């Protein structure tokens, strides 16, 4: 309990009042992602990525991930989502967060990580699942992508997503966009066990 209190105090300065109320005593919260292709449950690691986990949970509990799309699917690489509506309208962004890529967690198959721009501390709401062991996304001589949890149920759903047909989207000028939308219908924080 002392360690939990220490961790919470250490990062409380960076948390908003709302974030501080998101299951603060649970070091490994679980989130259920109900998608158009099935359900995925992820276990998050608040010990190694406290800022990233609290940021993600803030979007979850406020319903901001509901009815968004997985807009980028690259087989054997990633499935990315959380940022756009089905009409490709960008969703509300709270703020960018500190990059916690140096936390020791690796971009391995079945892990969840934060998407970002080329700038190291530009992650905010978009996330991705690793479909392969993506060592090139881990930190090294340059900033990596912060892993903050892993799938504990529904890996087969992720594997099915990897098989959907994708194409170039002229409206957004993007590659690797699913031809038929893959939707994140609802994201829910599960009760602590």
N, C-alpha and C. Protein backbone atom coordinates (compact mmCIF):
# COMPACT_ATOMS: atom_id res chain seq x y z
N UNK A 1 0.82 -1.20 0.00
CA UNK A 1 0.00 0.00 0.00
C UNK A 1 0.86 1.26 0.00
N UNK A 2 2.03 1.21 0.71
CA UNK A 2 2.90 2.37 0.74
C UNK A 2 3.43 2.70 -0.65
N UNK A 3 3.79 1.65 -1.41
CA UNK A 3 4.29 1.87 -2.76
C UNK A 3 3.22 2.50 -3.63
N UNK A 4 1.99 2.03 -3.52
CA UNK A 4 0.88 2.58 -4.29
C UNK A 4 0.69 4.06 -3.96
N UNK A 5 0.74 4.40 -2.68
CA UNK A 5 0.59 5.80 -2.26
C UNK A 5 1.72 6.65 -2.82
N UNK A 6 2.96 6.09 -2.78
CA UNK A 6 4.11 6.81 -3.31
C UNK A 6 3.95 7.09 -4.80
N UNK A 7 3.56 6.05 -5.55
CA UNK A 7 3.37 6.22 -7.00
C UNK A 7 2.29 7.25 -7.28
N UNK A 8 1.19 7.17 -6.54
CA UNK A 8 0.09 8.11 -6.76
C UNK A 8 0.53 9.53 -6.46
N UNK A 9 1.26 9.75 -5.34
CA UNK A 9 1.73 11.09 -5.00
C UNK A 9 2.75 11.60 -6.02
N UNK A 10 3.61 10.70 -6.49
CA UNK A 10 4.63 11.07 -7.45
C UNK A 10 4.03 11.66 -8.72
N UNK A 11 2.92 11.09 -9.18
CA UNK A 11 2.35 11.53 -10.44
C UNK A 11 1.10 12.40 -10.28
N UNK A 12 0.67 12.67 -9.04
CA UNK A 12 -0.56 13.44 -8.85
C UNK A 12 -0.43 14.86 -9.38
N UNK A 13 0.77 15.38 -9.41
CA UNK A 13 0.95 16.74 -9.92
C UNK A 13 0.62 16.82 -11.41
N UNK A 14 0.74 15.71 -12.13
CA UNK A 14 0.48 15.73 -13.56
C UNK A 14 -0.95 15.31 -13.90
N UNK A 15 -1.73 14.91 -12.89
CA UNK A 15 -3.09 14.43 -13.14
C UNK A 15 -4.10 15.54 -12.91
N UNK A 16 -5.13 15.53 -13.71
CA UNK A 16 -6.25 16.43 -13.45
C UNK A 16 -7.09 15.80 -12.35
N UNK A 17 -7.99 16.56 -11.78
CA UNK A 17 -8.87 16.03 -10.72
C UNK A 17 -9.67 14.84 -11.23
N UNK A 18 -10.16 14.92 -12.48
CA UNK A 18 -10.94 13.83 -13.05
C UNK A 18 -10.10 12.57 -13.20
N UNK A 19 -8.87 12.72 -13.71
CA UNK A 19 -8.00 11.57 -13.90
C UNK A 19 -7.67 10.90 -12.57
N UNK A 20 -7.50 11.69 -11.51
CA UNK A 20 -7.14 11.14 -10.21
C UNK A 20 -8.23 10.25 -9.64
N UNK A 21 -9.44 10.38 -10.14
CA UNK A 21 -10.56 9.58 -9.64
C UNK A 21 -10.75 8.28 -10.41
N UNK A 22 -9.96 8.03 -11.43
CA UNK A 22 -10.14 6.86 -12.28
C UNK A 22 -9.44 5.65 -11.67
N UNK A 23 -10.15 4.95 -10.77
CA UNK A 23 -9.66 3.69 -10.21
C UNK A 23 -8.21 3.81 -9.73
N UNK A 24 -7.89 4.82 -8.89
CA UNK A 24 -6.49 5.08 -8.54
C UNK A 24 -5.79 3.98 -7.75
N UNK A 25 -6.54 3.12 -7.07
CA UNK A 25 -5.92 2.06 -6.27
C UNK A 25 -5.63 0.80 -7.08
N UNK A 26 -6.01 0.78 -8.34
CA UNK A 26 -5.81 -0.40 -9.18
C UNK A 26 -4.58 -0.17 -10.07
N UNK A 27 -3.50 -0.91 -9.80
CA UNK A 27 -2.28 -0.75 -10.58
C UNK A 27 -2.38 -1.37 -11.97
N UNK A 28 -3.32 -2.32 -12.14
CA UNK A 28 -3.47 -3.02 -13.42
C UNK A 28 -4.94 -3.03 -13.84
N UNK A 29 -5.49 -1.84 -14.14
CA UNK A 29 -6.90 -1.79 -14.56
C UNK A 29 -7.12 -2.50 -15.89
N UNK A 30 -8.34 -3.00 -16.06
CA UNK A 30 -8.70 -3.69 -17.29
C UNK A 30 -9.80 -2.92 -18.01
N UNK A 31 -9.69 -2.89 -19.34
CA UNK A 31 -10.65 -2.18 -20.18
C UNK A 31 -11.20 -3.15 -21.22
N UNK A 32 -12.51 -3.14 -21.36
CA UNK A 32 -13.17 -3.96 -22.38
C UNK A 32 -13.46 -3.10 -23.59
N UNK A 33 -12.99 -3.55 -24.76
CA UNK A 33 -13.21 -2.86 -26.02
C UNK A 33 -14.16 -3.70 -26.86
N UNK A 34 -15.39 -3.24 -27.00
CA UNK A 34 -16.38 -3.94 -27.82
C UNK A 34 -16.29 -3.39 -29.23
N UNK A 35 -15.87 -4.24 -30.15
CA UNK A 35 -15.67 -3.80 -31.53
C UNK A 35 -16.68 -4.49 -32.45
N UNK A 36 -16.75 -4.03 -33.67
CA UNK A 36 -17.64 -4.63 -34.66
C UNK A 36 -17.19 -6.03 -35.06
N UNK A 37 -16.00 -6.43 -34.60
CA UNK A 37 -15.47 -7.76 -34.93
C UNK A 37 -15.33 -8.66 -33.70
N UNK A 38 -15.74 -8.18 -32.53
CA UNK A 38 -15.64 -8.96 -31.31
C UNK A 38 -15.08 -8.13 -30.17
N UNK A 39 -14.92 -8.77 -29.03
CA UNK A 39 -14.48 -8.07 -27.81
C UNK A 39 -13.03 -8.37 -27.49
N UNK A 40 -12.32 -7.31 -27.11
CA UNK A 40 -10.93 -7.39 -26.67
C UNK A 40 -10.88 -6.83 -25.25
N UNK A 41 -10.16 -7.52 -24.37
CA UNK A 41 -9.93 -6.99 -23.03
C UNK A 41 -8.43 -6.78 -22.87
N UNK A 42 -8.07 -5.56 -22.45
CA UNK A 42 -6.67 -5.22 -22.22
C UNK A 42 -6.45 -4.98 -20.74
N UNK A 43 -5.27 -5.40 -20.28
CA UNK A 43 -4.85 -5.07 -18.92
C UNK A 43 -3.76 -4.02 -19.04
N UNK A 44 -3.96 -2.90 -18.35
CA UNK A 44 -3.04 -1.77 -18.43
C UNK A 44 -2.04 -1.84 -17.29
N UNK A 45 -0.88 -1.24 -17.48
CA UNK A 45 0.20 -1.28 -16.49
C UNK A 45 0.47 0.13 -15.96
N UNK A 46 -0.21 0.44 -14.86
CA UNK A 46 -0.08 1.75 -14.25
C UNK A 46 1.27 1.90 -13.54
N UNK A 47 1.91 0.81 -13.19
CA UNK A 47 3.22 0.88 -12.52
C UNK A 47 4.26 1.43 -13.49
N UNK A 48 4.27 0.91 -14.70
CA UNK A 48 5.30 1.31 -15.68
C UNK A 48 4.89 2.49 -16.53
N UNK A 49 3.60 2.74 -16.69
CA UNK A 49 3.14 3.83 -17.57
C UNK A 49 1.97 4.57 -16.93
N UNK A 50 2.17 5.17 -15.77
CA UNK A 50 1.05 5.80 -15.05
C UNK A 50 0.40 6.96 -15.79
N UNK A 51 1.18 7.80 -16.42
CA UNK A 51 0.62 8.96 -17.13
C UNK A 51 -0.18 8.48 -18.33
N UNK A 52 0.37 7.54 -19.07
CA UNK A 52 -0.29 7.02 -20.26
C UNK A 52 -1.58 6.28 -19.90
N UNK A 53 -1.54 5.46 -18.86
CA UNK A 53 -2.73 4.72 -18.44
C UNK A 53 -3.82 5.68 -17.99
N UNK A 54 -3.48 6.67 -17.18
CA UNK A 54 -4.50 7.62 -16.73
C UNK A 54 -5.08 8.42 -17.89
N UNK A 55 -4.25 8.77 -18.84
CA UNK A 55 -4.73 9.47 -20.03
C UNK A 55 -5.72 8.61 -20.81
N UNK A 56 -5.35 7.35 -21.07
CA UNK A 56 -6.21 6.42 -21.79
C UNK A 56 -7.53 6.22 -21.06
N UNK A 57 -7.47 6.01 -19.74
CA UNK A 57 -8.69 5.80 -18.96
C UNK A 57 -9.58 7.04 -18.96
N UNK A 58 -8.99 8.20 -19.01
CA UNK A 58 -9.78 9.44 -19.07
C UNK A 58 -10.66 9.44 -20.32
N UNK A 59 -10.11 9.03 -21.46
CA UNK A 59 -10.90 8.93 -22.69
C UNK A 59 -11.93 7.81 -22.59
N UNK A 60 -11.56 6.70 -21.94
CA UNK A 60 -12.49 5.57 -21.80
C UNK A 60 -13.71 5.97 -20.99
N UNK A 61 -13.49 6.48 -19.78
CA UNK A 61 -14.63 6.75 -18.88
C UNK A 61 -15.49 7.92 -19.35
N UNK A 62 -14.95 8.79 -20.17
CA UNK A 62 -15.76 9.90 -20.69
C UNK A 62 -16.47 9.53 -21.99
N UNK A 63 -16.31 8.27 -22.44
CA UNK A 63 -17.01 7.81 -23.64
C UNK A 63 -16.43 8.30 -24.94
N UNK A 64 -15.24 8.87 -24.89
CA UNK A 64 -14.63 9.47 -26.08
C UNK A 64 -14.18 8.45 -27.13
N UNK A 65 -13.96 7.20 -26.71
CA UNK A 65 -13.57 6.17 -27.68
C UNK A 65 -14.77 5.47 -28.32
N UNK A 66 -15.95 5.67 -27.75
CA UNK A 66 -17.14 5.00 -28.27
C UNK A 66 -17.44 5.47 -29.69
N UNK A 67 -17.76 4.50 -30.55
CA UNK A 67 -18.11 4.77 -31.95
C UNK A 67 -17.01 5.46 -32.74
N UNK A 68 -15.76 5.07 -32.45
CA UNK A 68 -14.64 5.51 -33.27
C UNK A 68 -14.23 4.35 -34.17
N UNK A 69 -13.33 4.61 -35.08
CA UNK A 69 -12.91 3.57 -36.02
C UNK A 69 -11.44 3.20 -35.82
N UNK A 70 -11.12 1.99 -36.25
CA UNK A 70 -9.73 1.61 -36.43
C UNK A 70 -9.40 2.01 -37.86
N UNK A 71 -8.70 3.13 -38.01
CA UNK A 71 -8.53 3.75 -39.33
C UNK A 71 -7.28 3.28 -40.08
N UNK A 72 -6.42 2.52 -39.41
CA UNK A 72 -5.18 2.07 -40.06
C UNK A 72 -4.89 0.63 -39.63
N UNK A 73 -4.84 -0.26 -40.61
CA UNK A 73 -4.52 -1.66 -40.33
C UNK A 73 -3.44 -2.11 -41.31
N UNK A 74 -2.30 -2.49 -40.75
CA UNK A 74 -1.17 -2.96 -41.54
C UNK A 74 -0.83 -4.37 -41.06
N UNK A 75 -1.11 -5.41 -41.85
CA UNK A 75 -0.84 -6.78 -41.42
C UNK A 75 0.59 -6.97 -40.94
N UNK A 76 0.72 -7.76 -39.87
CA UNK A 76 2.01 -8.06 -39.25
C UNK A 76 2.69 -6.83 -38.66
N UNK A 77 1.95 -5.70 -38.56
CA UNK A 77 2.52 -4.49 -37.99
C UNK A 77 1.60 -3.94 -36.91
N UNK A 78 0.56 -3.17 -37.29
CA UNK A 78 -0.30 -2.55 -36.27
C UNK A 78 -1.76 -2.46 -36.71
N UNK A 79 -2.63 -2.27 -35.70
CA UNK A 79 -4.03 -1.87 -35.87
C UNK A 79 -4.18 -0.60 -35.04
N UNK A 80 -4.47 0.53 -35.69
CA UNK A 80 -4.49 1.83 -35.02
C UNK A 80 -5.89 2.41 -35.02
N UNK A 81 -6.26 3.04 -33.90
CA UNK A 81 -7.58 3.66 -33.81
C UNK A 81 -7.66 4.66 -32.68
N UNK A 82 -8.93 5.03 -32.38
CA UNK A 82 -9.21 5.90 -31.25
C UNK A 82 -9.32 7.37 -31.56
N UNK A 83 -9.05 7.79 -32.80
CA UNK A 83 -9.00 9.22 -33.07
C UNK A 83 -10.06 9.78 -33.98
N UNK A 84 -10.82 8.91 -34.69
CA UNK A 84 -11.73 9.42 -35.71
C UNK A 84 -13.10 8.76 -35.63
N UNK A 85 -14.11 9.54 -36.02
CA UNK A 85 -15.46 9.01 -36.15
C UNK A 85 -15.54 8.21 -37.45
N UNK A 86 -16.69 7.56 -37.66
CA UNK A 86 -16.88 6.78 -38.89
C UNK A 86 -16.86 7.66 -40.14
N UNK A 87 -17.08 8.96 -39.97
CA UNK A 87 -17.03 9.91 -41.08
C UNK A 87 -15.65 10.55 -41.22
N UNK A 88 -14.66 9.98 -40.51
CA UNK A 88 -13.29 10.49 -40.52
C UNK A 88 -13.18 11.91 -39.98
N UNK A 89 -14.05 12.23 -39.03
CA UNK A 89 -13.95 13.51 -38.33
C UNK A 89 -13.08 13.27 -37.10
N UNK A 90 -12.07 14.11 -36.93
CA UNK A 90 -11.16 13.96 -35.80
C UNK A 90 -11.91 14.24 -34.50
N UNK A 91 -11.70 13.37 -33.51
CA UNK A 91 -12.37 13.51 -32.21
C UNK A 91 -11.58 14.47 -31.32
N UNK A 92 -12.26 14.94 -30.27
CA UNK A 92 -11.68 15.89 -29.33
C UNK A 92 -10.41 15.33 -28.69
N UNK A 93 -9.40 16.18 -28.59
CA UNK A 93 -8.13 15.83 -27.96
C UNK A 93 -8.01 16.64 -26.68
N UNK A 94 -7.72 15.96 -25.56
CA UNK A 94 -7.56 16.68 -24.29
C UNK A 94 -6.23 17.41 -24.26
N UNK A 95 -5.13 16.69 -24.35
CA UNK A 95 -3.80 17.30 -24.39
C UNK A 95 -2.77 16.23 -24.70
N UNK A 96 -1.61 16.67 -25.14
CA UNK A 96 -0.52 15.73 -25.37
C UNK A 96 0.07 15.30 -24.04
N UNK A 97 0.68 14.11 -24.02
CA UNK A 97 1.24 13.59 -22.78
C UNK A 97 2.73 13.30 -22.94
N UNK A 98 3.39 13.15 -21.80
CA UNK A 98 4.81 12.80 -21.77
C UNK A 98 4.98 11.38 -22.32
N UNK A 99 5.99 11.19 -23.13
CA UNK A 99 6.29 9.89 -23.72
C UNK A 99 6.96 8.98 -22.68
N UNK A 100 6.28 7.88 -22.33
CA UNK A 100 6.81 6.94 -21.35
C UNK A 100 7.39 5.68 -22.02
N UNK A 101 7.92 5.85 -23.22
CA UNK A 101 8.44 4.69 -23.97
C UNK A 101 9.62 4.01 -23.29
N UNK A 102 10.33 4.69 -22.43
CA UNK A 102 11.48 4.10 -21.75
C UNK A 102 11.12 3.31 -20.50
N UNK A 103 9.91 2.80 -20.43
CA UNK A 103 9.42 2.12 -19.22
C UNK A 103 9.78 0.64 -19.15
N UNK A 104 10.45 0.10 -20.16
CA UNK A 104 10.84 -1.30 -20.17
C UNK A 104 9.88 -2.22 -20.89
N UNK A 105 8.66 -1.75 -21.18
CA UNK A 105 7.70 -2.55 -21.94
C UNK A 105 8.04 -2.46 -23.42
N UNK A 106 7.93 -3.56 -24.13
CA UNK A 106 8.31 -3.62 -25.53
C UNK A 106 7.10 -3.71 -26.44
N UNK A 107 7.24 -3.22 -27.67
CA UNK A 107 6.20 -3.30 -28.70
C UNK A 107 6.18 -4.71 -29.28
N UNK A 108 5.58 -5.62 -28.52
CA UNK A 108 5.49 -7.03 -28.89
C UNK A 108 4.06 -7.37 -29.28
N UNK A 109 3.89 -8.50 -29.93
CA UNK A 109 2.56 -8.95 -30.36
C UNK A 109 1.58 -8.88 -29.20
N UNK A 110 0.42 -8.25 -29.45
CA UNK A 110 -0.65 -8.20 -28.47
C UNK A 110 -0.56 -7.08 -27.47
N UNK A 111 0.46 -6.23 -27.58
CA UNK A 111 0.54 -5.09 -26.66
C UNK A 111 -0.19 -3.89 -27.24
N UNK A 112 -0.56 -2.96 -26.36
CA UNK A 112 -1.22 -1.72 -26.76
C UNK A 112 -0.25 -0.58 -26.45
N UNK A 113 -0.13 0.36 -27.39
CA UNK A 113 0.80 1.48 -27.26
C UNK A 113 0.15 2.75 -27.78
N UNK A 114 0.75 3.87 -27.44
CA UNK A 114 0.24 5.16 -27.88
C UNK A 114 0.83 5.55 -29.24
N UNK A 115 -0.04 6.01 -30.13
CA UNK A 115 0.40 6.57 -31.41
C UNK A 115 0.86 8.00 -31.14
N UNK A 116 1.77 8.47 -31.95
CA UNK A 116 2.25 9.84 -31.81
C UNK A 116 2.72 10.35 -33.17
N UNK A 117 3.00 11.63 -33.23
CA UNK A 117 3.61 12.20 -34.42
C UNK A 117 5.12 12.01 -34.30
N UNK A 118 5.90 12.66 -35.13
CA UNK A 118 7.35 12.49 -35.07
C UNK A 118 7.94 13.10 -33.80
N UNK A 119 7.29 14.11 -33.26
CA UNK A 119 7.76 14.71 -32.00
C UNK A 119 7.55 13.71 -30.86
N UNK A 120 8.49 13.61 -29.92
CA UNK A 120 8.41 12.56 -28.91
C UNK A 120 7.21 12.65 -27.97
N UNK A 121 6.79 13.84 -27.59
CA UNK A 121 5.73 14.00 -26.60
C UNK A 121 4.44 14.49 -27.25
N UNK A 122 4.07 13.88 -28.37
CA UNK A 122 2.90 14.32 -29.13
C UNK A 122 1.73 13.33 -29.07
N UNK A 123 1.84 12.27 -28.27
CA UNK A 123 0.72 11.33 -28.13
C UNK A 123 -0.40 11.99 -27.35
N UNK A 124 -1.65 11.66 -27.72
CA UNK A 124 -2.78 12.17 -26.97
C UNK A 124 -3.88 11.12 -26.84
N UNK A 125 -4.62 10.81 -27.91
CA UNK A 125 -5.75 9.87 -27.76
C UNK A 125 -5.63 8.62 -28.64
N UNK A 126 -4.91 8.69 -29.73
CA UNK A 126 -4.82 7.52 -30.62
C UNK A 126 -3.89 6.46 -30.03
N UNK A 127 -4.27 5.21 -30.24
CA UNK A 127 -3.50 4.08 -29.74
C UNK A 127 -3.40 3.03 -30.83
N UNK A 128 -2.55 2.05 -30.63
CA UNK A 128 -2.45 0.95 -31.59
C UNK A 128 -2.12 -0.35 -30.88
N UNK A 129 -2.51 -1.44 -31.53
CA UNK A 129 -2.13 -2.78 -31.09
C UNK A 129 -1.02 -3.27 -31.99
N UNK A 130 -0.04 -3.92 -31.40
CA UNK A 130 1.04 -4.51 -32.18
C UNK A 130 0.63 -5.87 -32.70
N UNK A 131 0.72 -6.05 -34.02
CA UNK A 131 0.44 -7.34 -34.66
C UNK A 131 1.69 -8.18 -34.82
N UNK A 132 2.84 -7.60 -34.57
CA UNK A 132 4.11 -8.29 -34.65
C UNK A 132 5.02 -7.79 -33.55
N UNK A 133 6.20 -8.38 -33.44
CA UNK A 133 7.20 -7.87 -32.51
C UNK A 133 7.91 -6.72 -33.20
N UNK A 134 7.47 -5.51 -32.89
CA UNK A 134 7.92 -4.31 -33.61
C UNK A 134 9.05 -3.61 -32.86
N UNK A 135 10.21 -4.21 -32.90
CA UNK A 135 11.36 -3.65 -32.19
C UNK A 135 11.72 -2.25 -32.68
N UNK A 136 11.40 -1.96 -33.93
CA UNK A 136 11.72 -0.64 -34.47
C UNK A 136 10.91 0.47 -33.80
N UNK A 137 9.86 0.10 -33.08
CA UNK A 137 9.03 1.09 -32.38
C UNK A 137 9.48 1.30 -30.94
N UNK A 138 10.41 0.48 -30.46
CA UNK A 138 10.93 0.62 -29.10
C UNK A 138 11.96 1.75 -29.06
N UNK A 139 12.18 2.33 -27.87
CA UNK A 139 13.19 3.39 -27.78
C UNK A 139 14.59 2.83 -27.97
N UNK A 140 15.43 3.68 -28.44
CA UNK A 140 16.84 3.33 -28.65
C UNK A 140 17.60 4.63 -28.77
N UNK A 141 18.16 4.86 -29.95
CA UNK A 141 18.84 6.14 -30.18
C UNK A 141 17.85 7.28 -30.40
N UNK A 142 16.59 6.91 -30.59
CA UNK A 142 15.54 7.93 -30.72
C UNK A 142 14.34 7.50 -29.89
N UNK A 143 13.41 8.41 -29.69
CA UNK A 143 12.22 8.13 -28.89
C UNK A 143 11.39 7.02 -29.53
N UNK A 144 10.84 6.17 -28.71
CA UNK A 144 9.97 5.10 -29.18
C UNK A 144 8.52 5.41 -28.91
N UNK A 145 7.69 4.37 -29.02
CA UNK A 145 6.25 4.46 -28.80
C UNK A 145 5.93 3.75 -27.48
N UNK A 146 5.23 4.44 -26.59
CA UNK A 146 5.00 3.95 -25.23
C UNK A 146 3.96 2.83 -25.18
N UNK A 147 4.44 1.64 -24.79
CA UNK A 147 3.54 0.52 -24.52
C UNK A 147 2.99 0.72 -23.11
N UNK A 148 1.68 0.46 -22.94
CA UNK A 148 1.08 0.66 -21.62
C UNK A 148 0.15 -0.47 -21.20
N UNK A 149 0.16 -1.58 -21.91
CA UNK A 149 -0.67 -2.72 -21.54
C UNK A 149 -0.61 -3.80 -22.58
N UNK A 150 -1.45 -4.83 -22.37
CA UNK A 150 -1.47 -5.96 -23.29
C UNK A 150 -2.86 -6.60 -23.30
N UNK A 151 -3.16 -7.27 -24.39
CA UNK A 151 -4.41 -8.00 -24.52
C UNK A 151 -4.36 -9.23 -23.61
N UNK A 152 -5.43 -9.42 -22.81
CA UNK A 152 -5.52 -10.64 -22.00
C UNK A 152 -6.66 -11.53 -22.49
N UNK A 153 -7.57 -10.97 -23.29
CA UNK A 153 -8.63 -11.76 -23.95
C UNK A 153 -8.93 -11.12 -25.30
N UNK A 154 -9.13 -11.95 -26.32
CA UNK A 154 -9.55 -11.45 -27.61
C UNK A 154 -8.45 -11.27 -28.63
N UNK A 155 -7.31 -11.93 -28.43
CA UNK A 155 -6.23 -11.84 -29.41
C UNK A 155 -6.72 -12.26 -30.79
N UNK A 156 -7.66 -13.23 -30.83
CA UNK A 156 -8.19 -13.70 -32.11
C UNK A 156 -8.97 -12.60 -32.84
N UNK A 157 -9.54 -11.67 -32.09
CA UNK A 157 -10.25 -10.54 -32.70
C UNK A 157 -9.24 -9.64 -33.41
N UNK A 158 -8.14 -9.38 -32.75
CA UNK A 158 -7.08 -8.57 -33.35
C UNK A 158 -6.54 -9.25 -34.61
N UNK A 159 -6.35 -10.55 -34.54
CA UNK A 159 -5.85 -11.30 -35.71
C UNK A 159 -6.85 -11.24 -36.87
N UNK A 160 -8.15 -11.25 -36.56
CA UNK A 160 -9.17 -11.13 -37.61
C UNK A 160 -9.13 -9.72 -38.22
N UNK A 161 -8.90 -8.72 -37.40
CA UNK A 161 -8.79 -7.34 -37.91
C UNK A 161 -7.64 -7.24 -38.91
N UNK A 162 -6.56 -7.93 -38.62
CA UNK A 162 -5.38 -7.88 -39.49
C UNK A 162 -5.66 -8.39 -40.90
N UNK A 163 -6.75 -9.14 -41.05
CA UNK A 163 -7.07 -9.75 -42.35
C UNK A 163 -8.06 -8.94 -43.18
N UNK A 164 -8.60 -7.84 -42.62
CA UNK A 164 -9.60 -7.09 -43.38
C UNK A 164 -8.94 -6.41 -44.59
N UNK A 165 -9.73 -6.21 -45.61
CA UNK A 165 -9.24 -5.55 -46.83
C UNK A 165 -9.06 -4.06 -46.56
N UNK A 166 -7.91 -3.54 -46.96
CA UNK A 166 -7.62 -2.11 -46.82
C UNK A 166 -7.29 -1.53 -48.18
N UNK A 167 -7.35 -0.20 -48.25
CA UNK A 167 -7.04 0.48 -49.51
C UNK A 167 -6.65 1.92 -49.19
N UNK A 168 -6.28 2.63 -50.24
CA UNK A 168 -6.00 4.06 -50.13
C UNK A 168 -7.32 4.80 -49.97
N UNK A 169 -7.37 5.75 -49.02
CA UNK A 169 -8.56 6.56 -48.81
C UNK A 169 -8.30 7.95 -49.38
N UNK A 170 -8.98 8.27 -50.48
CA UNK A 170 -8.76 9.55 -51.16
C UNK A 170 -9.16 10.74 -50.30
N UNK A 171 -10.25 10.60 -49.56
CA UNK A 171 -10.75 11.70 -48.71
C UNK A 171 -9.69 12.13 -47.70
N UNK A 172 -9.01 11.15 -47.09
CA UNK A 172 -8.01 11.46 -46.06
C UNK A 172 -6.58 11.41 -46.58
N UNK A 173 -6.39 10.92 -47.81
CA UNK A 173 -5.05 10.73 -48.39
C UNK A 173 -4.21 9.80 -47.52
N UNK A 174 -4.82 8.69 -47.08
CA UNK A 174 -4.16 7.71 -46.24
C UNK A 174 -4.11 6.36 -46.94
N UNK A 175 -3.06 5.62 -46.65
CA UNK A 175 -2.95 4.22 -47.04
C UNK A 175 -3.52 3.37 -45.91
N UNK A 176 -3.77 2.08 -46.19
CA UNK A 176 -4.08 1.08 -45.17
C UNK A 176 -5.37 1.33 -44.38
N UNK A 177 -6.36 1.94 -45.03
CA UNK A 177 -7.66 2.21 -44.40
C UNK A 177 -8.60 1.05 -44.72
N UNK A 178 -9.25 0.46 -43.69
CA UNK A 178 -10.20 -0.63 -43.98
C UNK A 178 -11.29 -0.18 -44.96
N UNK A 179 -11.58 -1.02 -45.95
CA UNK A 179 -12.63 -0.73 -46.93
C UNK A 179 -13.99 -0.70 -46.24
N UNK A 180 -14.24 -1.70 -45.39
CA UNK A 180 -15.44 -1.71 -44.54
C UNK A 180 -15.00 -1.28 -43.15
N UNK A 181 -15.68 -0.29 -42.55
CA UNK A 181 -15.23 0.23 -41.24
C UNK A 181 -15.13 -0.86 -40.17
N UNK A 182 -14.05 -0.80 -39.41
CA UNK A 182 -13.89 -1.62 -38.21
C UNK A 182 -14.10 -0.65 -37.04
N UNK A 183 -15.16 -0.87 -36.29
CA UNK A 183 -15.62 0.12 -35.32
C UNK A 183 -15.34 -0.31 -33.88
N UNK A 184 -14.86 0.65 -33.09
CA UNK A 184 -14.80 0.48 -31.65
C UNK A 184 -16.13 1.01 -31.12
N UNK A 185 -17.04 0.09 -30.86
CA UNK A 185 -18.40 0.47 -30.47
C UNK A 185 -18.42 1.08 -29.07
N UNK A 186 -17.75 0.43 -28.12
CA UNK A 186 -17.76 0.92 -26.75
C UNK A 186 -16.51 0.48 -26.02
N UNK A 187 -15.94 1.39 -25.24
CA UNK A 187 -14.82 1.09 -24.35
C UNK A 187 -15.28 1.29 -22.92
N UNK A 188 -15.04 0.29 -22.05
CA UNK A 188 -15.52 0.35 -20.68
C UNK A 188 -14.42 -0.06 -19.71
N UNK A 189 -14.28 0.70 -18.62
CA UNK A 189 -13.38 0.32 -17.53
C UNK A 189 -14.08 -0.77 -16.72
N UNK A 190 -13.43 -1.91 -16.58
CA UNK A 190 -14.03 -3.03 -15.84
C UNK A 190 -13.81 -2.83 -14.34
N UNK A 191 -14.73 -3.33 -13.51
CA UNK A 191 -14.55 -3.23 -12.06
C UNK A 191 -13.28 -3.95 -11.63
N UNK A 192 -12.61 -3.42 -10.63
CA UNK A 192 -11.40 -4.07 -10.11
C UNK A 192 -11.75 -5.42 -9.54
N UNK A 193 -10.86 -6.40 -9.74
CA UNK A 193 -11.11 -7.75 -9.21
C UNK A 193 -10.27 -8.03 -7.99
